[in-house]
């Protein structure tokens, strides 16, 4: 419902991204890409 109610506009409004993982390497990659973007 939330995703249907809003349109993402780059630089103005974007939904947050997230992962659920217990794999340290996967979490490090995700955080690294979050910092770079």
Protein backbone atom coordinates (compact mmCIF):
# COMPACT_ATOMS: atom_id res chain seq x y z
CA UNK A 1 0.00 0.00 0.00
CA UNK A 2 2.77 2.46 0.89
CA UNK A 3 4.69 1.76 -2.30
CA UNK A 4 1.49 2.20 -4.34
CA UNK A 5 0.76 5.56 -2.69
CA UNK A 6 4.06 7.32 -3.48
CA UNK A 7 6.25 7.73 -6.55
CA UNK A 8 10.01 7.86 -6.07
CA UNK A 9 11.71 10.98 -7.43
CA UNK A 10 15.51 10.73 -7.47
CA UNK A 11 17.09 13.33 -5.21
CA UNK A 12 13.72 14.26 -3.72
CA UNK A 13 11.97 11.15 -2.38
CA UNK A 14 13.15 7.55 -2.32
CA UNK A 15 12.23 4.56 -0.19
CA UNK A 16 14.95 3.27 2.12
CA UNK A 17 16.64 0.00 1.26
CA UNK A 18 17.31 -2.71 3.82
CA UNK A 19 18.55 -6.27 4.18
CA UNK A 20 18.07 -8.95 6.80
CA UNK A 21 21.11 -11.15 7.07
CA UNK A 22 23.41 -12.87 9.52
CA UNK A 23 26.19 -13.11 6.91
CA UNK A 24 28.87 -10.58 7.89
CA UNK A 25 30.28 -10.38 4.35
CA UNK A 26 26.85 -9.64 2.87
CA UNK A 27 26.22 -6.93 5.48
CA UNK A 28 29.61 -5.33 4.79
CA UNK A 29 28.87 -5.21 1.04
CA UNK A 30 25.45 -3.67 1.69
CA UNK A 31 26.86 -1.01 4.04
CA UNK A 32 29.71 -0.28 1.63
CA UNK A 33 27.29 0.34 -1.22
CA UNK A 34 25.08 2.47 1.06
CA UNK A 35 28.03 4.74 1.90
CA UNK A 36 29.04 5.05 -1.76
CA UNK A 37 25.53 5.91 -2.92
